[in-house]
């Protein structure tokens, strides 16, 4: 297989990427690294020449500067000799078994694409719903693979070539979205590897495709990418799923998420550009598959109704969730039983219509049917407990029972989960380190991802700060200085006073 890496004046993170590539469990003669230097102006050519001398499984190609990763990636695919291609950025990292595990899954299932788990340090886990279970052969709609539209994945090289799938070249925004639109239009056979972290995003200042963003230009590229499955004659149900997923991702962009903080002039520019994107790419027939907050935003944008748009934006930004640990205790099976409550509060109120359905009365929006304020299944409160490695960013789901009690202005959610350190990583022990206990929550289209708060007197003395041997690890639950719940994990064999 081939790892394709576009480069331009790499600095912070490049050495770590290389170290992760040379540390792969796949034997050197079974993979290669294809570096494509996009016109670097520093000592990169010399560094790459030295790397190629030291590693026989390295190709190096120099091209004139294009300024964006699309062209060097296309060049890398053309020169790659592997059956599979994995795309990496110049400043991220691969986990040690990433190539071996993704290749094995592809071979086992005759996959065109393998989506390996992506993690991120210091930020929310990307595409979290994808990483709850492995899927050997995914349904493109039901299994939610349209959520992931970046290209840090394994692709069958012949699949890319046979369908003439190429990156747009030059200064094009959202080139990954554009490629994944081509991929989904070709009805690929997709597998999901959730049980092992494969790729680690590491945020650094600047990259090889950074320049100021113009709203109208940006949303034009977004609309083009969203419509690509239709343009190429791909499956309509896949196109719809892609549009729904992309719309949700679009509403996290600063143009929308931070709109209330901008100047009136900038608000007007962004509203006009975003509304044009909605007209061009988001069919109204899909509104009842969008959660309430997003439905309100879309409908206000279609009407160019700035007052209504402001009201829905305020609904989204003023929503909050207050969480607290109720109890934590060790079970006889050696699991840490965690019970928490969350009160989710939204502006407005829940009302029952004459037919028995529920609506949400939003301050500033007409409650006469002009806006679709029904509370649908996609609006119901959901939540689960997770554990996340504080340093690396790897996050694992925890089996969670959830009970919901609706309230007039929101809901109270009770979650009960059992953290099982020797088996929490899909049957494997948690790695040594600090693992934060977190909550993943959603209601009405507003998502919350946070560490679980611990009131001062919540942790019982037989739990807080005590070292407990559990299977192959030692676990110490404690309340952090920030007032949240964490567990420290150590390998028992690593401690001189450990039993066995």
Protein backbone atom coordinates (compact mmCIF):
# COMPACT_ATOMS: atom_id res chain seq x y z
CA UNK A 1 0.00 0.00 0.00
CA UNK A 2 0.99 3.66 -0.44
CA UNK A 3 0.77 6.62 1.93
CA UNK A 4 0.54 9.85 -0.06
CA UNK A 5 1.77 12.99 1.74
CA UNK A 6 1.61 16.44 0.10
CA UNK A 7 4.22 18.84 1.46
CA UNK A 8 5.00 22.52 1.43
CA UNK A 9 7.64 23.94 3.77
CA UNK A 10 6.80 21.44 6.52
CA UNK A 11 7.91 22.46 9.98
CA UNK A 12 6.03 21.69 13.19
CA UNK A 13 4.75 18.13 13.17
CA UNK A 14 6.57 16.74 10.14
CA UNK A 15 9.19 14.86 12.15
CA UNK A 16 6.41 13.34 14.29
CA UNK A 17 4.52 12.27 11.17
CA UNK A 18 7.66 10.57 9.83
CA UNK A 19 8.26 8.84 13.16
CA UNK A 20 4.70 7.49 13.06
CA UNK A 21 5.22 6.25 9.49
CA UNK A 22 8.43 4.40 10.33
CA UNK A 23 6.78 2.88 13.44
CA UNK A 24 4.08 1.07 11.47
CA UNK A 25 3.50 -2.58 12.35
CA UNK A 26 3.14 -3.39 8.65
CA UNK A 27 6.52 -4.66 7.33
CA UNK A 28 8.51 -2.09 5.36
CA UNK A 29 8.30 -4.15 2.18
CA UNK A 30 4.50 -4.02 2.29
CA UNK A 31 4.03 -0.25 2.19
CA UNK A 32 5.63 2.83 0.74
CA UNK A 33 5.47 6.55 1.48
CA UNK A 34 5.03 8.91 -1.47
CA UNK A 35 6.12 12.44 -0.57
CA UNK A 36 5.09 15.09 -3.11
CA UNK A 37 6.81 18.42 -2.47
CA UNK A 38 4.62 21.27 -3.67
CA UNK A 39 7.37 23.78 -4.46
CA UNK A 40 8.88 24.17 -0.99
CA UNK A 41 11.21 27.16 -0.62
CA UNK A 42 13.12 25.93 2.44
CA UNK A 43 15.40 22.91 2.95
CA UNK A 44 12.60 20.40 2.32
CA UNK A 45 14.15 18.95 -0.89
CA UNK A 46 17.36 18.14 0.99
CA UNK A 47 15.44 16.66 3.94
CA UNK A 48 13.38 14.47 1.62
CA UNK A 49 16.47 13.32 -0.27
CA UNK A 50 18.04 12.26 3.03
CA UNK A 51 14.86 10.44 4.07
CA UNK A 52 14.78 8.60 0.72
CA UNK A 53 18.39 7.48 1.20
CA UNK A 54 17.59 6.16 4.67
CA UNK A 55 14.31 4.41 3.80
CA UNK A 56 14.00 2.16 0.76
CA UNK A 57 10.17 2.38 0.81
CA UNK A 58 10.08 6.12 0.08
CA UNK A 59 9.36 7.95 -3.16
CA UNK A 60 9.98 11.70 -3.49
CA UNK A 61 8.52 13.88 -6.23
CA UNK A 62 9.04 17.61 -6.72
CA UNK A 63 6.44 19.75 -8.50
CA UNK A 64 6.06 23.51 -9.07
CA UNK A 65 4.15 25.22 -6.27
CA UNK A 66 0.38 24.98 -6.64
CA UNK A 67 -0.32 26.30 -3.15
CA UNK A 68 -2.97 23.69 -2.35
CA UNK A 69 -2.94 19.95 -1.63
CA UNK A 70 -5.10 18.86 -4.58
CA UNK A 71 -2.40 18.67 -7.27
CA UNK A 72 0.28 16.97 -5.11
CA UNK A 73 -2.26 14.36 -4.02
CA UNK A 74 -3.15 13.64 -7.65
CA UNK A 75 0.55 13.32 -8.47
CA UNK A 76 0.98 10.98 -5.51
CA UNK A 77 -1.85 8.70 -6.66
CA UNK A 78 -0.37 8.57 -10.16
CA UNK A 79 3.04 7.47 -8.85
CA UNK A 80 1.78 5.18 -6.08
CA UNK A 81 2.52 1.49 -6.57
CA UNK A 82 0.39 0.07 -3.78
CA UNK A 83 -2.96 -1.63 -4.12
CA UNK A 84 -4.33 0.86 -1.60
CA UNK A 85 -3.72 4.57 -1.02
CA UNK A 86 -3.89 6.31 2.35
CA UNK A 87 -3.86 10.14 2.38
CA UNK A 88 -2.05 11.93 5.22
CA UNK A 89 -1.34 15.60 5.84
CA UNK A 90 2.20 16.73 6.55
CA UNK A 91 1.66 17.53 10.23
CA UNK A 92 -0.64 14.77 11.52
CA UNK A 93 0.16 11.26 12.78
CA UNK A 94 -0.80 7.66 12.13
CA UNK A 95 -1.17 5.17 14.96
CA UNK A 96 1.21 2.18 14.86
CA UNK A 97 -1.22 -0.42 13.53
CA UNK A 98 -3.22 1.91 11.26
CA UNK A 99 -1.95 0.60 7.93
CA UNK A 100 -1.96 -3.06 8.95
CA UNK A 101 -5.50 -2.95 10.33
CA UNK A 102 -7.05 -0.90 7.52
CA UNK A 103 -5.40 -3.08 4.86
CA UNK A 104 -6.59 -6.24 6.61
CA UNK A 105 -10.15 -4.91 6.77
CA UNK A 106 -10.05 -3.95 3.10
CA UNK A 107 -8.75 -7.38 2.09
CA UNK A 108 -11.29 -9.14 4.28
CA UNK A 109 -14.24 -7.28 2.80
CA UNK A 110 -13.05 -6.35 -0.71
CA UNK A 111 -13.49 -2.73 0.38
CA UNK A 112 -13.08 0.29 -1.86
CA UNK A 113 -12.80 2.58 1.18
CA UNK A 114 -11.90 1.93 4.81
CA UNK A 115 -12.78 4.70 7.24
CA UNK A 116 -10.39 4.34 10.17
CA UNK A 117 -11.12 6.05 13.47
CA UNK A 118 -9.93 9.66 13.58
CA UNK A 119 -9.02 11.32 16.88
CA UNK A 120 -8.01 14.85 17.74
CA UNK A 121 -6.09 16.32 20.66
CA UNK A 122 -7.75 19.13 22.57
CA UNK A 123 -10.95 19.13 20.53
CA UNK A 124 -14.06 17.05 20.00
CA UNK A 125 -13.67 13.68 18.29
CA UNK A 126 -14.52 14.13 14.60
CA UNK A 127 -17.55 12.20 13.29
CA UNK A 128 -18.26 10.74 16.73
CA UNK A 129 -21.39 8.76 15.70
CA UNK A 130 -19.25 6.70 13.30
CA UNK A 131 -16.98 5.33 15.98
CA UNK A 132 -19.40 3.35 18.13
CA UNK A 133 -18.81 0.01 16.35
CA UNK A 134 -16.88 -1.68 13.55
CA UNK A 135 -18.84 -2.18 10.34
CA UNK A 136 -17.37 -4.73 7.96
CA UNK A 137 -19.56 -3.68 5.01
CA UNK A 138 -21.50 -0.48 5.60
CA UNK A 139 -24.80 0.67 4.21
CA UNK A 140 -23.94 4.13 2.88
CA UNK A 141 -27.13 5.64 4.31
CA UNK A 142 -28.11 3.63 7.39
CA UNK A 143 -24.58 3.37 8.82
CA UNK A 144 -23.91 7.10 8.55
CA UNK A 145 -20.68 6.96 6.58
CA UNK A 146 -21.63 10.18 4.76
CA UNK A 147 -20.65 12.00 7.97
CA UNK A 148 -16.97 11.61 7.14
CA UNK A 149 -15.96 13.69 4.15
CA UNK A 150 -12.27 14.21 4.70
CA UNK A 151 -9.85 11.95 2.84
CA UNK A 152 -7.68 10.67 5.69
CA UNK A 153 -8.75 7.15 4.81
CA UNK A 154 -7.67 4.09 2.91
CA UNK A 155 -8.83 3.89 -0.73
CA UNK A 156 -8.47 1.12 -3.27
CA UNK A 157 -6.24 2.74 -5.88
CA UNK A 158 -7.95 1.00 -8.80
CA UNK A 159 -11.31 2.33 -7.55
CA UNK A 160 -9.99 5.90 -7.74
CA UNK A 161 -8.47 5.34 -11.19
CA UNK A 162 -11.39 3.40 -12.68
CA UNK A 163 -13.85 6.15 -11.70
CA UNK A 164 -11.45 8.98 -12.64
CA UNK A 165 -11.70 10.38 -9.10
CA UNK A 166 -9.35 13.33 -8.77
CA UNK A 167 -8.80 16.24 -6.45
CA UNK A 168 -9.62 19.68 -7.85
CA UNK A 169 -6.38 21.54 -8.37
CA UNK A 170 -5.47 25.10 -7.51
CA UNK A 171 -7.10 27.40 -4.93
CA UNK A 172 -10.30 25.40 -4.38
CA UNK A 173 -11.99 25.25 -1.00
CA UNK A 174 -13.29 21.96 0.40
CA UNK A 175 -11.28 19.78 -1.98
CA UNK A 176 -11.81 16.79 0.33
CA UNK A 177 -15.59 17.24 0.13
CA UNK A 178 -15.31 17.38 -3.63
CA UNK A 179 -13.40 14.10 -3.80
CA UNK A 180 -15.72 12.34 -1.36
CA UNK A 181 -18.68 13.47 -3.48
CA UNK A 182 -17.09 11.67 -6.43
CA UNK A 183 -16.43 8.64 -4.22
CA UNK A 184 -20.01 8.39 -2.94
CA UNK A 185 -21.42 8.93 -6.43
CA UNK A 186 -19.57 5.75 -7.49
CA UNK A 187 -21.36 3.61 -4.83
CA UNK A 188 -18.22 2.37 -3.07
CA UNK A 189 -17.98 -0.67 -0.82
CA UNK A 190 -17.12 0.93 2.54
CA UNK A 191 -15.87 -0.49 5.83
CA UNK A 192 -15.62 1.32 9.17
CA UNK A 193 -12.80 0.57 11.63
CA UNK A 194 -13.92 2.07 14.95
CA UNK A 195 -12.13 -0.29 17.32
CA UNK A 196 -8.65 1.11 16.72
CA UNK A 197 -7.54 4.76 16.39
CA UNK A 198 -5.92 5.18 12.98
CA UNK A 199 -5.35 8.87 12.31
CA UNK A 200 -4.64 11.74 14.66
CA UNK A 201 -5.41 15.30 13.63
CA UNK A 202 -3.05 17.77 15.23
CA UNK A 203 -3.93 21.42 14.90
CA UNK A 204 -1.02 23.72 14.06
CA UNK A 205 -1.02 27.33 13.01
CA UNK A 206 -1.17 27.64 9.26
CA UNK A 207 -1.14 24.92 6.63
CA UNK A 208 -0.41 24.52 2.96
CA UNK A 209 -3.81 25.84 1.83
CA UNK A 210 -4.53 28.78 4.12
CA UNK A 211 -5.79 32.12 2.90
CA UNK A 212 -8.63 34.48 3.87
CA UNK A 213 -12.12 33.08 3.37
CA UNK A 214 -14.71 34.99 1.34
CA UNK A 215 -18.28 33.97 2.29
CA UNK A 216 -19.79 33.88 -1.20
CA UNK A 217 -16.82 31.94 -2.58
CA UNK A 218 -16.78 29.49 0.32
CA UNK A 219 -20.49 28.67 0.15
CA UNK A 220 -20.26 28.35 -3.62
CA UNK A 221 -17.69 25.58 -3.21
CA UNK A 222 -19.81 24.02 -0.48
CA UNK A 223 -22.89 23.91 -2.72
CA UNK A 224 -20.90 22.44 -5.61
CA UNK A 225 -19.53 19.66 -3.39
CA UNK A 226 -22.95 18.90 -1.88
CA UNK A 227 -24.54 18.61 -5.33
CA UNK A 228 -21.81 16.46 -6.84
CA UNK A 229 -23.53 13.11 -6.30
CA UNK A 230 -26.55 14.44 -8.21
CA UNK A 231 -24.34 15.97 -10.89
CA UNK A 232 -22.58 12.64 -11.45
CA UNK A 233 -25.79 10.60 -11.45
CA UNK A 234 -25.15 8.88 -8.12
CA UNK A 235 -27.79 7.21 -5.91
CA UNK A 236 -30.49 9.71 -4.81
CA UNK A 237 -30.74 8.29 -1.27
CA UNK A 238 -26.98 8.65 -0.82
CA UNK A 239 -27.19 12.21 -2.13
CA UNK A 240 -29.93 13.03 0.40
CA UNK A 241 -27.94 11.51 3.28
CA UNK A 242 -24.88 13.45 2.18
CA UNK A 243 -26.82 16.72 2.05
CA UNK A 244 -28.23 16.17 5.54
CA UNK A 245 -24.82 15.35 7.00
CA UNK A 246 -23.12 18.23 5.19
CA UNK A 247 -25.80 20.69 6.30
CA UNK A 248 -25.18 19.72 9.92
CA UNK A 249 -21.45 20.25 9.43
CA UNK A 250 -22.01 23.55 7.65
CA UNK A 251 -23.85 24.96 10.65
CA UNK A 252 -20.71 24.56 12.77
CA UNK A 253 -18.76 26.91 10.48
CA UNK A 254 -17.87 30.35 11.93
CA UNK A 255 -20.05 32.10 9.34
CA UNK A 256 -23.03 30.56 11.14
CA UNK A 257 -21.85 29.50 14.59
CA UNK A 258 -20.34 32.94 15.39
CA UNK A 259 -22.76 35.07 13.36
CA UNK A 260 -24.17 36.94 16.36
CA UNK A 261 -20.69 38.18 17.30
CA UNK A 262 -19.99 39.81 13.94
CA UNK A 263 -20.55 43.41 12.84
CA UNK A 264 -23.88 44.31 11.17
CA UNK A 265 -22.13 44.68 7.82
CA UNK A 266 -20.46 41.31 8.07
CA UNK A 267 -23.68 39.71 9.29
CA UNK A 268 -25.48 40.97 6.20
CA UNK A 269 -22.75 39.65 3.87
CA UNK A 270 -22.67 36.25 5.57
CA UNK A 271 -26.45 35.90 5.69
CA UNK A 272 -26.76 36.62 1.96
CA UNK A 273 -24.02 34.15 1.02
CA UNK A 274 -25.31 31.44 3.36
CA UNK A 275 -28.88 31.90 2.11
CA UNK A 276 -27.71 31.45 -1.48
CA UNK A 277 -25.98 28.21 -0.46
CA UNK A 278 -29.24 26.98 1.09
CA UNK A 279 -31.12 27.78 -2.13
CA UNK A 280 -28.52 25.99 -4.23
CA UNK A 281 -27.85 22.88 -2.15
CA UNK A 282 -30.34 22.19 0.68
CA UNK A 283 -33.74 20.95 -0.56
CA UNK A 284 -36.71 21.97 1.61
CA UNK A 285 -38.08 18.43 1.23
CA UNK A 286 -35.33 17.26 3.62
CA UNK A 287 -36.28 19.67 6.39
CA UNK A 288 -38.22 17.11 8.42
CA UNK A 289 -35.00 15.07 8.69
CA UNK A 290 -33.21 18.04 10.23
CA UNK A 291 -33.45 18.90 13.96
CA UNK A 292 -35.53 21.86 15.08
CA UNK A 293 -32.79 24.46 15.47
CA UNK A 294 -31.42 23.69 12.01
CA UNK A 295 -34.92 23.70 10.48
CA UNK A 296 -35.48 27.16 11.90
CA UNK A 297 -32.15 28.41 10.57
CA UNK A 298 -32.78 26.97 7.11
CA UNK A 299 -36.28 28.39 6.86
CA UNK A 300 -35.17 31.84 8.02
CA UNK A 301 -32.36 31.79 5.43
CA UNK A 302 -34.71 30.75 2.63
CA UNK A 303 -36.96 33.70 3.52
CA UNK A 304 -34.01 36.11 3.92
CA UNK A 305 -35.64 36.92 7.27
CA UNK A 306 -32.85 38.42 9.35
CA UNK A 307 -35.02 38.90 12.45
CA UNK A 308 -36.11 35.25 12.44
CA UNK A 309 -32.54 34.11 11.75
CA UNK A 310 -31.34 36.10 14.73
CA UNK A 311 -34.04 34.53 16.93
CA UNK A 312 -33.00 31.00 15.99
CA UNK A 313 -29.32 31.83 16.42
CA UNK A 314 -30.08 33.11 19.91
CA UNK A 315 -32.01 29.91 20.64
CA UNK A 316 -28.94 27.90 19.67
CA UNK A 317 -26.34 30.00 21.50
CA UNK A 318 -28.36 30.45 24.70
CA UNK A 319 -29.14 26.75 25.05
CA UNK A 320 -27.09 25.15 27.81
CA UNK A 321 -26.67 21.92 29.71
CA UNK A 322 -25.85 21.73 33.42
CA UNK A 323 -24.41 18.34 34.35
CA UNK A 324 -23.39 16.80 37.64
CA UNK A 325 -22.11 13.46 38.88
CA UNK A 326 -24.65 11.85 41.19
CA UNK A 327 -22.56 8.91 42.29
CA UNK A 328 -19.56 6.77 41.37
CA UNK A 329 -19.01 3.34 42.90
CA UNK A 330 -17.12 0.14 42.22
CA UNK A 331 -19.24 -2.88 41.31
CA UNK A 332 -18.50 -6.45 42.30
CA UNK A 333 -17.48 -7.08 38.67
CA UNK A 334 -14.74 -4.46 38.91
CA UNK A 335 -16.46 -1.77 36.83
CA UNK A 336 -16.82 1.85 37.87
CA UNK A 337 -20.54 2.62 37.91
CA UNK A 338 -21.14 6.28 37.10
CA UNK A 339 -24.51 7.98 37.45
CA UNK A 340 -25.01 11.55 36.25
CA UNK A 341 -27.83 13.97 35.59
CA UNK A 342 -27.99 16.70 32.99
CA UNK A 343 -30.54 19.50 32.82
CA UNK A 344 -30.78 20.74 29.22
CA UNK A 345 -32.34 24.20 28.99
CA UNK A 346 -33.49 26.03 25.86
CA UNK A 347 -35.05 29.48 25.37
CA UNK A 348 -38.76 29.19 24.76
CA UNK A 349 -40.98 26.40 25.92
CA UNK A 350 -42.47 23.08 24.99
CA UNK A 351 -46.17 23.27 24.06
CA UNK A 352 -48.71 20.61 23.13
CA UNK A 353 -50.78 21.26 20.03
CA UNK A 354 -54.48 20.30 19.76
CA UNK A 355 -53.62 17.01 18.06
CA UNK A 356 -51.33 15.92 20.87
CA UNK A 357 -48.05 16.67 19.13
CA UNK A 358 -45.33 18.84 20.61
CA UNK A 359 -44.03 22.15 19.36
CA UNK A 360 -41.32 24.46 20.61
CA UNK A 361 -42.28 28.08 21.08
CA UNK A 362 -39.23 30.15 20.12
CA UNK A 363 -38.99 33.79 21.25
CA UNK A 364 -38.96 36.02 18.18
CA UNK A 365 -40.40 33.44 15.77
CA UNK A 366 -44.05 33.44 14.70
CA UNK A 367 -45.92 30.52 16.24
CA UNK A 368 -48.55 30.38 13.51
CA UNK A 369 -47.10 27.68 11.27
CA UNK A 370 -44.81 29.99 9.31
CA UNK A 371 -41.85 28.08 10.76
CA UNK A 372 -41.77 24.33 11.33
CA UNK A 373 -41.41 24.11 15.11
CA UNK A 374 -42.56 20.52 15.55
CA UNK A 375 -40.57 18.40 18.00
CA UNK A 376 -39.61 15.36 15.90
CA UNK A 377 -37.68 12.19 16.67
CA UNK A 378 -34.45 13.89 15.60
CA UNK A 379 -35.07 16.51 18.32
CA UNK A 380 -35.36 14.11 21.27
CA UNK A 381 -32.65 14.29 23.95
CA UNK A 382 -29.87 11.75 23.50
CA UNK A 383 -26.69 11.13 25.44
CA UNK A 384 -23.95 8.73 26.39
CA UNK A 385 -20.86 8.56 28.56
CA UNK A 386 -17.40 8.24 27.02
CA UNK A 387 -13.80 8.07 28.23
CA UNK A 388 -11.10 10.06 26.51
CA UNK A 389 -7.32 10.00 26.75
CA UNK A 390 -6.41 13.54 27.74
CA UNK A 391 -3.05 13.61 25.97
CA UNK A 392 -3.64 11.58 22.82
CA UNK A 393 -7.35 12.32 22.24
CA UNK A 394 -8.51 8.72 21.77
CA UNK A 395 -12.14 8.44 22.89
CA UNK A 396 -14.18 5.29 23.52
CA UNK A 397 -17.94 4.86 24.04
CA UNK A 398 -19.21 3.44 27.34
CA UNK A 399 -22.37 1.36 27.56
CA UNK A 400 -24.91 3.86 28.86
CA UNK A 401 -28.51 3.68 29.99
CA UNK A 402 -30.40 6.93 29.49
CA UNK A 403 -33.73 8.11 30.96
CA UNK A 404 -35.35 11.36 29.88
CA UNK A 405 -37.89 13.47 31.76
CA UNK A 406 -39.19 16.31 29.53
CA UNK A 407 -39.60 19.74 31.09
CA UNK A 408 -41.36 22.85 29.84
CA UNK A 409 -38.08 24.53 28.91
CA UNK A 410 -35.95 21.49 28.16
CA UNK A 411 -35.37 18.08 29.72
CA UNK A 412 -33.65 16.31 32.57
CA UNK A 413 -31.49 13.42 31.40
CA UNK A 414 -30.23 10.68 33.71
CA UNK A 415 -27.32 8.58 32.51
CA UNK A 416 -25.96 5.42 34.11
CA UNK A 417 -22.78 3.89 32.71
CA UNK A 418 -20.23 1.32 33.78
CA UNK A 419 -16.62 2.11 32.90
CA UNK A 420 -14.71 -1.15 32.49
CA UNK A 421 -10.99 -0.18 32.28
CA UNK A 422 -9.61 -3.63 31.31
CA UNK A 423 -12.06 -3.90 28.40
CA UNK A 424 -13.17 -0.32 27.61
CA UNK A 425 -11.24 -0.02 24.33
CA UNK A 426 -13.43 -2.43 22.36
CA UNK A 427 -12.40 -5.33 24.60
CA UNK A 428 -8.85 -4.08 25.19
CA UNK A 429 -7.54 -2.32 28.31
CA UNK A 430 -7.35 1.45 28.44
CA UNK A 431 -3.83 2.65 27.71
CA UNK A 432 -1.86 4.09 30.65
CA UNK A 433 -2.63 7.76 31.17
CA UNK A 434 -5.35 10.14 32.33
CA UNK A 435 -8.81 9.35 30.99
CA UNK A 436 -11.47 12.02 31.33
CA UNK A 437 -15.05 10.84 31.79
CA UNK A 438 -17.14 12.78 29.31
CA UNK A 439 -20.70 13.28 28.13
CA UNK A 440 -21.96 13.38 24.55
CA UNK A 441 -25.39 15.07 24.55
CA UNK A 442 -27.86 16.44 22.00
CA UNK A 443 -31.33 17.98 21.95
CA UNK A 444 -33.25 19.99 19.34
CA UNK A 445 -30.13 19.93 17.16
CA UNK A 446 -27.82 21.47 19.75
CA UNK A 447 -24.90 19.23 20.73
CA UNK A 448 -22.81 19.31 23.87
CA UNK A 449 -19.53 17.44 24.41
CA UNK A 450 -17.88 17.97 27.78
CA UNK A 451 -16.15 16.51 30.79
CA UNK A 452 -18.47 15.28 33.52
CA UNK A 453 -18.69 17.77 36.40
CA UNK A 454 -18.21 16.61 39.98
CA UNK A 455 -19.65 18.55 42.95
CA UNK A 456 -17.23 18.81 45.86
CA UNK A 457 -18.77 16.12 48.03
CA UNK A 458 -19.94 13.63 45.39
CA UNK A 459 -17.08 11.14 45.20
CA UNK A 460 -17.27 8.65 48.06
CA UNK A 461 -14.13 8.17 50.11
CA UNK A 462 -13.81 4.56 48.96
CA UNK A 463 -13.63 5.75 45.34
CA UNK A 464 -11.90 9.13 45.25
CA UNK A 465 -8.13 8.87 44.92
CA UNK A 466 -7.99 5.16 45.73
CA UNK A 467 -5.87 2.82 43.62
CA UNK A 468 -7.86 -0.23 42.58
CA UNK A 469 -6.34 -3.21 40.75
CA UNK A 470 -8.72 -4.20 37.97
CA UNK A 471 -7.57 -6.97 35.62
CA UNK A 472 -4.30 -5.94 34.00
CA UNK A 473 -4.45 -2.29 35.08
CA UNK A 474 -4.62 -0.15 38.20
CA UNK A 475 -7.27 2.54 38.20
CA UNK A 476 -7.52 5.69 40.33
CA UNK A 477 -10.71 7.76 40.00
CA UNK A 478 -10.39 11.36 41.17
CA UNK A 479 -11.86 14.84 40.97
CA UNK A 480 -9.64 17.09 38.85
CA UNK A 481 -8.62 20.65 39.72
CA UNK A 482 -11.23 21.76 37.18
CA UNK A 483 -13.93 19.90 39.11
CA UNK A 484 -14.44 17.06 36.63
CA UNK A 485 -14.21 13.26 36.83
CA UNK A 486 -11.12 11.46 35.56
CA UNK A 487 -9.45 8.09 36.06
CA UNK A 488 -5.72 7.53 36.09
CA UNK A 489 -4.73 4.22 34.51
CA UNK A 490 -1.45 2.41 35.05
CA UNK A 491 -0.32 -0.98 33.86
CA UNK A 492 -0.02 -3.26 36.89
CA UNK A 493 3.14 -4.86 35.61
CA UNK A 494 4.81 -1.45 35.47
CA UNK A 495 4.56 -0.84 39.24
CA UNK A 496 7.10 -2.48 41.54
CA UNK A 497 4.46 -2.95 44.27
CA UNK A 498 1.86 -4.46 41.92
CA UNK A 499 0.50 -7.91 42.61
CA UNK A 500 1.31 -10.75 40.18
